[in-house]
All heavy atoms as atom14 arrays in JSON, in Angstrom:
{
  "sequence": "IVIGSSFSDLTQLPPGRILQIDIDPLMIARRHPVEMGLEGRS",
  "atom14_mask": [
    [1, 1, 1, 1, 1, 1, 1, 1, 0, 0, 0, 0, 0, 0],
    [1, 1, 1, 1, 1, 1, 1, 0, 0, 0, 0, 0, 0, 0],
    [1, 1, 1, 1, 1, 1, 1, 1, 0, 0, 0, 0, 0, 0],
    [1, 1, 1, 1, 0, 0, 0, 0, 0, 0, 0, 0, 0, 0],
    [1, 1, 1, 1, 1, 1, 0, 0, 0, 0, 0, 0, 0, 0],
    [1, 1, 1, 1, 1, 1, 0, 0, 0, 0, 0, 0, 0, 0],
    [1, 1, 1, 1, 1, 1, 1, 1, 1, 1, 1, 0, 0, 0],
    [1, 1, 1, 1, 1, 1, 0, 0, 0, 0, 0, 0, 0, 0],
    [1, 1, 1, 1, 1, 1, 1, 1, 0, 0, 0, 0, 0, 0],
    [1, 1, 1, 1, 1, 1, 1, 1, 0, 0, 0, 0, 0, 0],
    [1, 1, 1, 1, 1, 1, 1, 0, 0, 0, 0, 0, 0, 0],
    [1, 1, 1, 1, 1, 1, 1, 1, 1, 0, 0, 0, 0, 0],
    [1, 1, 1, 1, 1, 1, 1, 1, 0, 0, 0, 0, 0, 0],
    [1, 1, 1, 1, 1, 1, 1, 0, 0, 0, 0, 0, 0, 0],
    [1, 1, 1, 1, 1, 1, 1, 0, 0, 0, 0, 0, 0, 0],
    [1, 1, 1, 1, 0, 0, 0, 0, 0, 0, 0, 0, 0, 0],
    [1, 1, 1, 1, 1, 1, 1, 1, 1, 1, 1, 0, 0, 0],
    [1, 1, 1, 1, 1, 1, 1, 1, 0, 0, 0, 0, 0, 0],
    [1, 1, 1, 1, 1, 1, 1, 1, 0, 0, 0, 0, 0, 0],
    [1, 1, 1, 1, 1, 1, 1, 1, 1, 0, 0, 0, 0, 0],
    [1, 1, 1, 1, 1, 1, 1, 1, 0, 0, 0, 0, 0, 0],
    [1, 1, 1, 1, 1, 1, 1, 1, 0, 0, 0, 0, 0, 0],
    [1, 1, 1, 1, 1, 1, 1, 1, 0, 0, 0, 0, 0, 0],
    [1, 1, 1, 1, 1, 1, 1, 1, 0, 0, 0, 0, 0, 0],
    [1, 1, 1, 1, 1, 1, 1, 0, 0, 0, 0, 0, 0, 0],
    [1, 1, 1, 1, 1, 1, 1, 1, 0, 0, 0, 0, 0, 0],
    [1, 1, 1, 1, 1, 1, 1, 1, 0, 0, 0, 0, 0, 0],
    [1, 1, 1, 1, 1, 1, 1, 1, 0, 0, 0, 0, 0, 0],
    [1, 1, 1, 1, 1, 0, 0, 0, 0, 0, 0, 0, 0, 0],
    [1, 1, 1, 1, 1, 1, 1, 1, 1, 1, 1, 0, 0, 0],
    [1, 1, 1, 1, 1, 1, 1, 1, 1, 1, 1, 0, 0, 0],
    [1, 1, 1, 1, 1, 1, 1, 1, 1, 1, 0, 0, 0, 0],
    [1, 1, 1, 1, 1, 1, 1, 0, 0, 0, 0, 0, 0, 0],
    [1, 1, 1, 1, 1, 1, 1, 0, 0, 0, 0, 0, 0, 0],
    [1, 1, 1, 1, 1, 1, 1, 1, 1, 0, 0, 0, 0, 0],
    [1, 1, 1, 1, 1, 1, 1, 1, 0, 0, 0, 0, 0, 0],
    [1, 1, 1, 1, 0, 0, 0, 0, 0, 0, 0, 0, 0, 0],
    [1, 1, 1, 1, 1, 1, 1, 1, 0, 0, 0, 0, 0, 0],
    [1, 1, 1, 1, 1, 1, 1, 1, 1, 0, 0, 0, 0, 0],
    [1, 1, 1, 1, 0, 0, 0, 0, 0, 0, 0, 0, 0, 0],
    [1, 1, 1, 1, 1, 1, 1, 1, 1, 1, 1, 0, 0, 0],
    [1, 1, 1, 1, 1, 1, 0, 0, 0, 0, 0, 0, 0, 0]
  ],
  "atom14_positions": [
    [[84.69, 136.58, 57.84], [85.96, 136.06, 58.34], [85.67, 134.68, 58.89], [85.15, 134.51, 60.0], [86.54, 136.99, 59.44], [86.66, 138.42, 58.92], [87.89, 136.47, 59.92], [86.93, 139.45, 60.0], [0.0, 0.0, 0.0], [0.0, 0.0, 0.0], [0.0, 0.0, 0.0], [0.0, 0.0, 0.0], [0.0, 0.0, 0.0], [0.0, 0.0, 0.0]],
    [[85.95, 133.65, 58.09], [85.55, 132.28, 58.4], [86.72, 131.56, 59.05], [87.78, 131.39, 58.44], [85.1, 131.54, 57.13], [84.63, 130.13, 57.48], [83.98, 132.32, 56.43], [0.0, 0.0, 0.0], [0.0, 0.0, 0.0], [0.0, 0.0, 0.0], [0.0, 0.0, 0.0], [0.0, 0.0, 0.0], [0.0, 0.0, 0.0], [0.0, 0.0, 0.0]],
    [[86.53, 131.12, 60.3], [87.6, 130.51, 61.09], [87.23, 129.08, 61.45], [86.27, 128.85, 62.19], [87.87, 131.32, 62.37], [88.14, 132.79, 62.04], [89.04, 130.73, 63.15], [88.2, 133.7, 63.26], [0.0, 0.0, 0.0], [0.0, 0.0, 0.0], [0.0, 0.0, 0.0], [0.0, 0.0, 0.0], [0.0, 0.0, 0.0], [0.0, 0.0, 0.0]],
    [[87.97, 128.12, 60.92], [87.78, 126.73, 61.3], [86.45, 126.14, 60.92], [85.9, 125.32, 61.66], [0.0, 0.0, 0.0], [0.0, 0.0, 0.0], [0.0, 0.0, 0.0], [0.0, 0.0, 0.0], [0.0, 0.0, 0.0], [0.0, 0.0, 0.0], [0.0, 0.0, 0.0], [0.0, 0.0, 0.0], [0.0, 0.0, 0.0], [0.0, 0.0, 0.0]],
    [[85.92, 126.49, 59.76], [84.65, 125.94, 59.29], [84.88, 125.2, 57.98], [85.6, 125.68, 57.1], [83.62, 127.05, 59.06], [82.49, 126.55, 58.36], [0.0, 0.0, 0.0], [0.0, 0.0, 0.0], [0.0, 0.0, 0.0], [0.0, 0.0, 0.0], [0.0, 0.0, 0.0], [0.0, 0.0, 0.0], [0.0, 0.0, 0.0], [0.0, 0.0, 0.0]],
    [[84.22, 124.04, 57.85], [84.38, 123.23, 56.65], [83.33, 123.51, 55.59], [83.24, 122.81, 54.59], [84.33, 121.74, 57.02], [83.1, 121.44, 57.66], [0.0, 0.0, 0.0], [0.0, 0.0, 0.0], [0.0, 0.0, 0.0], [0.0, 0.0, 0.0], [0.0, 0.0, 0.0], [0.0, 0.0, 0.0], [0.0, 0.0, 0.0], [0.0, 0.0, 0.0]],
    [[82.51, 124.54, 55.79], [81.48, 124.94, 54.83], [80.52, 123.77, 54.54], [80.24, 123.44, 53.39], [82.11, 125.44, 53.52], [82.56, 126.88, 53.58], [83.72, 127.22, 54.26], [81.83, 127.88, 52.98], [84.15, 128.52, 54.32], [82.25, 129.2, 53.03], [83.42, 129.52, 53.72], [0.0, 0.0, 0.0], [0.0, 0.0, 0.0], [0.0, 0.0, 0.0]],
    [[80.01, 123.18, 55.61], [79.0, 122.13, 55.45], [77.8, 122.68, 54.68], [77.45, 123.86, 54.78], [78.54, 121.66, 56.84], [77.3, 121.0, 56.77], [0.0, 0.0, 0.0], [0.0, 0.0, 0.0], [0.0, 0.0, 0.0], [0.0, 0.0, 0.0], [0.0, 0.0, 0.0], [0.0, 0.0, 0.0], [0.0, 0.0, 0.0], [0.0, 0.0, 0.0]],
    [[77.17, 121.8, 53.91], [75.97, 122.23, 53.17], [74.86, 122.65, 54.11], [74.03, 123.51, 53.77], [75.49, 121.11, 52.25], [75.24, 119.8, 52.99], [76.1, 119.4, 53.79], [74.17, 119.19, 52.78], [0.0, 0.0, 0.0], [0.0, 0.0, 0.0], [0.0, 0.0, 0.0], [0.0, 0.0, 0.0], [0.0, 0.0, 0.0], [0.0, 0.0, 0.0]],
    [[74.84, 122.12, 55.34], [73.81, 122.51, 56.3], [74.08, 123.89, 56.89], [73.17, 124.55, 57.37], [73.71, 121.48, 57.43], [73.24, 120.08, 57.02], [73.19, 119.16, 58.22], [71.87, 120.15, 56.35], [0.0, 0.0, 0.0], [0.0, 0.0, 0.0], [0.0, 0.0, 0.0], [0.0, 0.0, 0.0], [0.0, 0.0, 0.0], [0.0, 0.0, 0.0]],
    [[75.35, 124.33, 56.86], [75.68, 125.66, 57.36], [75.22, 126.73, 56.39], [74.92, 127.86, 56.78], [77.19, 125.79, 57.62], [77.59, 124.75, 58.52], [77.53, 127.12, 58.25], [0.0, 0.0, 0.0], [0.0, 0.0, 0.0], [0.0, 0.0, 0.0], [0.0, 0.0, 0.0], [0.0, 0.0, 0.0], [0.0, 0.0, 0.0], [0.0, 0.0, 0.0]],
    [[75.18, 126.41, 55.1], [74.58, 127.28, 54.07], [75.24, 128.65, 53.99], [74.56, 129.66, 53.81], [73.08, 127.42, 54.31], [72.33, 126.1, 54.26], [70.86, 126.21, 54.62], [70.41, 127.27, 55.06], [70.11, 125.13, 54.45], [0.0, 0.0, 0.0], [0.0, 0.0, 0.0], [0.0, 0.0, 0.0], [0.0, 0.0, 0.0], [0.0, 0.0, 0.0]],
    [[76.56, 128.7, 54.11], [77.25, 129.99, 53.97], [77.23, 130.41, 52.5], [77.58, 129.62, 51.61], [78.69, 129.88, 54.47], [78.84, 129.69, 55.98], [80.3, 129.51, 56.36], [78.25, 130.88, 56.74], [0.0, 0.0, 0.0], [0.0, 0.0, 0.0], [0.0, 0.0, 0.0], [0.0, 0.0, 0.0], [0.0, 0.0, 0.0], [0.0, 0.0, 0.0]],
    [[76.86, 131.65, 52.21], [76.73, 132.09, 50.82], [78.08, 132.52, 50.24], [79.04, 132.76, 50.98], [75.79, 133.29, 50.95], [76.14, 133.88, 52.29], [76.46, 132.69, 53.17], [0.0, 0.0, 0.0], [0.0, 0.0, 0.0], [0.0, 0.0, 0.0], [0.0, 0.0, 0.0], [0.0, 0.0, 0.0], [0.0, 0.0, 0.0], [0.0, 0.0, 0.0]],
    [[78.18, 132.62, 48.92], [79.38, 133.19, 48.33], [79.47, 134.68, 48.65], [78.47, 135.3, 49.02], [79.18, 132.95, 46.83], [77.7, 132.86, 46.65], [77.17, 132.24, 47.91], [0.0, 0.0, 0.0], [0.0, 0.0, 0.0], [0.0, 0.0, 0.0], [0.0, 0.0, 0.0], [0.0, 0.0, 0.0], [0.0, 0.0, 0.0], [0.0, 0.0, 0.0]],
    [[80.64, 135.23, 48.51], [80.83, 136.64, 48.82], [82.3, 136.93, 49.06], [83.18, 136.17, 48.64], [0.0, 0.0, 0.0], [0.0, 0.0, 0.0], [0.0, 0.0, 0.0], [0.0, 0.0, 0.0], [0.0, 0.0, 0.0], [0.0, 0.0, 0.0], [0.0, 0.0, 0.0], [0.0, 0.0, 0.0], [0.0, 0.0, 0.0], [0.0, 0.0, 0.0]],
    [[82.54, 138.02, 49.73], [83.92, 138.42, 50.06], [84.31, 137.66, 51.33], [83.78, 137.91, 52.41], [83.95, 139.92, 50.3], [85.3, 140.57, 50.12], [85.13, 142.06, 49.85], [86.41, 142.75, 49.87], [86.75, 143.67, 50.76], [85.89, 144.01, 51.72], [87.93, 144.26, 50.7], [0.0, 0.0, 0.0], [0.0, 0.0, 0.0], [0.0, 0.0, 0.0]],
    [[85.26, 136.74, 51.21], [85.54, 135.81, 52.3], [87.04, 135.78, 52.61], [87.86, 135.65, 51.7], [85.07, 134.38, 51.96], [83.55, 134.34, 51.76], [85.48, 133.4, 53.05], [83.03, 133.01, 51.22], [0.0, 0.0, 0.0], [0.0, 0.0, 0.0], [0.0, 0.0, 0.0], [0.0, 0.0, 0.0], [0.0, 0.0, 0.0], [0.0, 0.0, 0.0]],
    [[87.37, 135.92, 53.88], [88.71, 135.63, 54.4], [88.58, 134.34, 55.2], [87.85, 134.29, 56.18], [89.22, 136.76, 55.3], [90.45, 136.46, 56.16], [91.66, 136.14, 55.3], [90.74, 137.62, 57.11], [0.0, 0.0, 0.0], [0.0, 0.0, 0.0], [0.0, 0.0, 0.0], [0.0, 0.0, 0.0], [0.0, 0.0, 0.0], [0.0, 0.0, 0.0]],
    [[89.27, 133.29, 54.77], [89.11, 131.99, 55.41], [90.4, 131.53, 56.06], [91.48, 131.58, 55.45], [88.65, 130.94, 54.4], [88.28, 129.6, 55.05], [87.78, 128.58, 54.05], [87.63, 128.87, 52.87], [87.52, 127.36, 54.52], [0.0, 0.0, 0.0], [0.0, 0.0, 0.0], [0.0, 0.0, 0.0], [0.0, 0.0, 0.0], [0.0, 0.0, 0.0]],
    [[90.29, 131.06, 57.3], [91.42, 130.55, 58.07], [91.15, 129.09, 58.42], [90.12, 128.78, 59.01], [91.62, 131.37, 59.37], [91.84, 132.84, 59.04], [92.78, 130.81, 60.19], [91.68, 133.75, 60.26], [0.0, 0.0, 0.0], [0.0, 0.0, 0.0], [0.0, 0.0, 0.0], [0.0, 0.0, 0.0], [0.0, 0.0, 0.0], [0.0, 0.0, 0.0]],
    [[92.08, 128.2, 58.06], [91.87, 126.79, 58.37], [93.21, 126.07, 58.41], [94.14, 126.4, 57.66], [90.96, 126.12, 57.34], [90.23, 124.92, 57.91], [90.89, 123.87, 58.11], [89.03, 125.03, 58.2], [0.0, 0.0, 0.0], [0.0, 0.0, 0.0], [0.0, 0.0, 0.0], [0.0, 0.0, 0.0], [0.0, 0.0, 0.0], [0.0, 0.0, 0.0]],
    [[93.31, 125.09, 59.29], [94.53, 124.28, 59.39], [94.66, 123.34, 58.2], [95.77, 122.92, 57.84], [94.52, 123.47, 60.72], [95.86, 122.75, 60.94], [93.38, 122.49, 60.74], [97.04, 123.64, 61.09], [0.0, 0.0, 0.0], [0.0, 0.0, 0.0], [0.0, 0.0, 0.0], [0.0, 0.0, 0.0], [0.0, 0.0, 0.0], [0.0, 0.0, 0.0]],
    [[93.55, 123.01, 57.55], [93.54, 122.09, 56.42], [93.42, 122.9, 55.13], [92.37, 123.48, 54.85], [92.38, 121.11, 56.55], [92.38, 120.04, 55.46], [93.18, 120.15, 54.51], [91.57, 119.11, 55.56], [0.0, 0.0, 0.0], [0.0, 0.0, 0.0], [0.0, 0.0, 0.0], [0.0, 0.0, 0.0], [0.0, 0.0, 0.0], [0.0, 0.0, 0.0]],
    [[94.46, 122.94, 54.3], [94.38, 123.74, 53.07], [93.29, 123.27, 52.11], [92.82, 124.06, 51.28], [95.78, 123.58, 52.45], [96.34, 122.34, 53.05], [95.76, 122.26, 54.43], [0.0, 0.0, 0.0], [0.0, 0.0, 0.0], [0.0, 0.0, 0.0], [0.0, 0.0, 0.0], [0.0, 0.0, 0.0], [0.0, 0.0, 0.0], [0.0, 0.0, 0.0]],
    [[92.87, 122.01, 52.22], [91.81, 121.52, 51.35], [90.45, 122.13, 51.69], [89.52, 122.08, 50.88], [91.72, 119.99, 51.42], [92.92, 119.23, 50.83], [92.74, 117.72, 51.05], [93.08, 119.52, 49.35], [0.0, 0.0, 0.0], [0.0, 0.0, 0.0], [0.0, 0.0, 0.0], [0.0, 0.0, 0.0], [0.0, 0.0, 0.0], [0.0, 0.0, 0.0]],
    [[90.32, 122.69, 52.89], [89.07, 123.33, 53.27], [88.96, 124.76, 52.71], [87.86, 125.3, 52.62], [88.94, 123.39, 54.8], [88.72, 122.04, 55.47], [87.17, 121.26, 54.99], [87.8, 119.9, 54.01], [0.0, 0.0, 0.0], [0.0, 0.0, 0.0], [0.0, 0.0, 0.0], [0.0, 0.0, 0.0], [0.0, 0.0, 0.0], [0.0, 0.0, 0.0]],
    [[90.1, 125.34, 52.33], [90.08, 126.71, 51.81], [89.36, 126.72, 50.45], [89.69, 125.94, 49.56], [91.52, 127.26, 51.64], [92.28, 127.2, 52.97], [91.48, 128.69, 51.1], [91.78, 128.11, 54.05], [0.0, 0.0, 0.0], [0.0, 0.0, 0.0], [0.0, 0.0, 0.0], [0.0, 0.0, 0.0], [0.0, 0.0, 0.0], [0.0, 0.0, 0.0]],
    [[88.37, 127.59, 50.33], [87.58, 127.73, 49.09], [86.9, 126.41, 48.71], [86.71, 126.11, 47.53], [88.46, 128.23, 47.94], [0.0, 0.0, 0.0], [0.0, 0.0, 0.0], [0.0, 0.0, 0.0], [0.0, 0.0, 0.0], [0.0, 0.0, 0.0], [0.0, 0.0, 0.0], [0.0, 0.0, 0.0], [0.0, 0.0, 0.0], [0.0, 0.0, 0.0]],
    [[86.48, 125.65, 49.7], [85.85, 124.35, 49.43], [84.52, 124.51, 48.7], [84.2, 123.71, 47.81], [85.65, 123.61, 50.75], [85.0, 122.25, 50.61], [85.03, 121.48, 51.91], [84.34, 120.2, 51.78], [83.28, 119.86, 52.52], [82.81, 120.69, 53.43], [82.71, 118.69, 52.36], [0.0, 0.0, 0.0], [0.0, 0.0, 0.0], [0.0, 0.0, 0.0]],
    [[83.75, 125.5, 49.07], [82.44, 125.71, 48.43], [82.46, 126.91, 47.48], [81.85, 126.89, 46.43], [81.36, 125.93, 49.49], [81.17, 124.78, 50.45], [80.44, 123.63, 49.83], [80.15, 122.59, 50.84], [79.77, 121.36, 50.55], [79.63, 120.99, 49.29], [79.54, 120.48, 51.5], [0.0, 0.0, 0.0], [0.0, 0.0, 0.0], [0.0, 0.0, 0.0]],
    [[83.13, 128.0, 47.91], [83.12, 129.23, 47.13], [84.54, 129.78, 47.01], [85.38, 129.55, 47.89], [82.26, 130.3, 47.83], [80.91, 129.81, 48.27], [79.97, 129.33, 47.41], [80.37, 129.73, 49.52], [78.89, 128.97, 48.1], [79.11, 129.2, 49.38], [0.0, 0.0, 0.0], [0.0, 0.0, 0.0], [0.0, 0.0, 0.0], [0.0, 0.0, 0.0]],
    [[84.83, 130.53, 45.94], [86.12, 131.23, 45.88], [86.23, 132.21, 47.05], [85.23, 132.76, 47.52], [86.04, 131.98, 44.54], [84.98, 131.29, 43.76], [84.0, 130.76, 44.75], [0.0, 0.0, 0.0], [0.0, 0.0, 0.0], [0.0, 0.0, 0.0], [0.0, 0.0, 0.0], [0.0, 0.0, 0.0], [0.0, 0.0, 0.0], [0.0, 0.0, 0.0]],
    [[87.46, 132.4, 47.54], [87.67, 133.31, 48.66], [88.55, 134.47, 48.24], [89.37, 134.35, 47.32], [88.31, 132.58, 49.87], [87.4, 131.48, 50.37], [89.68, 132.01, 49.52], [0.0, 0.0, 0.0], [0.0, 0.0, 0.0], [0.0, 0.0, 0.0], [0.0, 0.0, 0.0], [0.0, 0.0, 0.0], [0.0, 0.0, 0.0], [0.0, 0.0, 0.0]],
    [[88.35, 135.58, 48.9], [89.21, 136.75, 48.67], [90.63, 136.45, 49.11], [91.6, 136.82, 48.45], [88.65, 137.94, 49.46], [89.3, 139.27, 49.13], [88.65, 139.96, 47.96], [87.67, 139.43, 47.4], [89.13, 141.04, 47.59], [0.0, 0.0, 0.0], [0.0, 0.0, 0.0], [0.0, 0.0, 0.0], [0.0, 0.0, 0.0], [0.0, 0.0, 0.0]],
    [[90.73, 135.72, 50.24], [92.06, 135.36, 50.74], [91.92, 134.15, 51.66], [90.97, 134.05, 52.45], [92.68, 136.53, 51.5], [94.11, 136.29, 51.9], [94.89, 137.77, 52.57], [96.55, 137.13, 52.77], [0.0, 0.0, 0.0], [0.0, 0.0, 0.0], [0.0, 0.0, 0.0], [0.0, 0.0, 0.0], [0.0, 0.0, 0.0], [0.0, 0.0, 0.0]],
    [[92.87, 133.22, 51.56], [92.9, 132.07, 52.44], [94.19, 132.02, 53.23], [95.27, 132.3, 52.69], [0.0, 0.0, 0.0], [0.0, 0.0, 0.0], [0.0, 0.0, 0.0], [0.0, 0.0, 0.0], [0.0, 0.0, 0.0], [0.0, 0.0, 0.0], [0.0, 0.0, 0.0], [0.0, 0.0, 0.0], [0.0, 0.0, 0.0], [0.0, 0.0, 0.0]],
    [[94.09, 131.69, 54.51], [95.25, 131.56, 55.39], [95.29, 130.15, 55.95], [94.34, 129.71, 56.6], [95.19, 132.56, 56.55], [95.24, 134.05, 56.21], [95.08, 134.88, 57.48], [96.54, 134.41, 55.49], [0.0, 0.0, 0.0], [0.0, 0.0, 0.0], [0.0, 0.0, 0.0], [0.0, 0.0, 0.0], [0.0, 0.0, 0.0], [0.0, 0.0, 0.0]],
    [[96.37, 129.44, 55.69], [96.54, 128.12, 56.27], [97.24, 128.25, 57.61], [98.33, 128.84, 57.7], [97.38, 127.22, 55.35], [97.6, 125.83, 55.93], [98.56, 124.99, 55.11], [98.99, 125.46, 54.03], [98.9, 123.88, 55.56], [0.0, 0.0, 0.0], [0.0, 0.0, 0.0], [0.0, 0.0, 0.0], [0.0, 0.0, 0.0], [0.0, 0.0, 0.0]],
    [[96.64, 127.72, 58.66], [97.27, 127.8, 59.97], [96.31, 127.47, 61.09], [95.09, 127.43, 60.91], [0.0, 0.0, 0.0], [0.0, 0.0, 0.0], [0.0, 0.0, 0.0], [0.0, 0.0, 0.0], [0.0, 0.0, 0.0], [0.0, 0.0, 0.0], [0.0, 0.0, 0.0], [0.0, 0.0, 0.0], [0.0, 0.0, 0.0], [0.0, 0.0, 0.0]],
    [[96.87, 127.23, 62.24], [96.08, 126.97, 63.45], [95.39, 128.26, 63.86], [96.0, 129.33, 63.88], [96.97, 126.49, 64.59], [97.71, 125.18, 64.33], [97.64, 124.32, 65.55], [96.31, 123.81, 65.76], [95.9, 122.61, 65.35], [96.71, 121.8, 64.73], [94.67, 122.22, 65.59], [0.0, 0.0, 0.0], [0.0, 0.0, 0.0], [0.0, 0.0, 0.0]],
    [[94.13, 128.13, 64.23], [93.41, 129.33, 64.68], [94.01, 129.89, 65.96], [94.01, 131.1, 66.18], [91.92, 129.01, 64.88], [91.73, 128.02, 65.88], [0.0, 0.0, 0.0], [0.0, 0.0, 0.0], [0.0, 0.0, 0.0], [0.0, 0.0, 0.0], [0.0, 0.0, 0.0], [0.0, 0.0, 0.0], [0.0, 0.0, 0.0], [0.0, 0.0, 0.0]]
  ]
}
């Protein structure tokens, strides 16, 4: 459950089953496909 993260290469989050929440829709699935993305303020 990824909240407010831009998936920096230094964070090294792996692909997998991901629910991503971010205010910026361009950050959703930035590195890997996500199971579900939610656009909105955390």
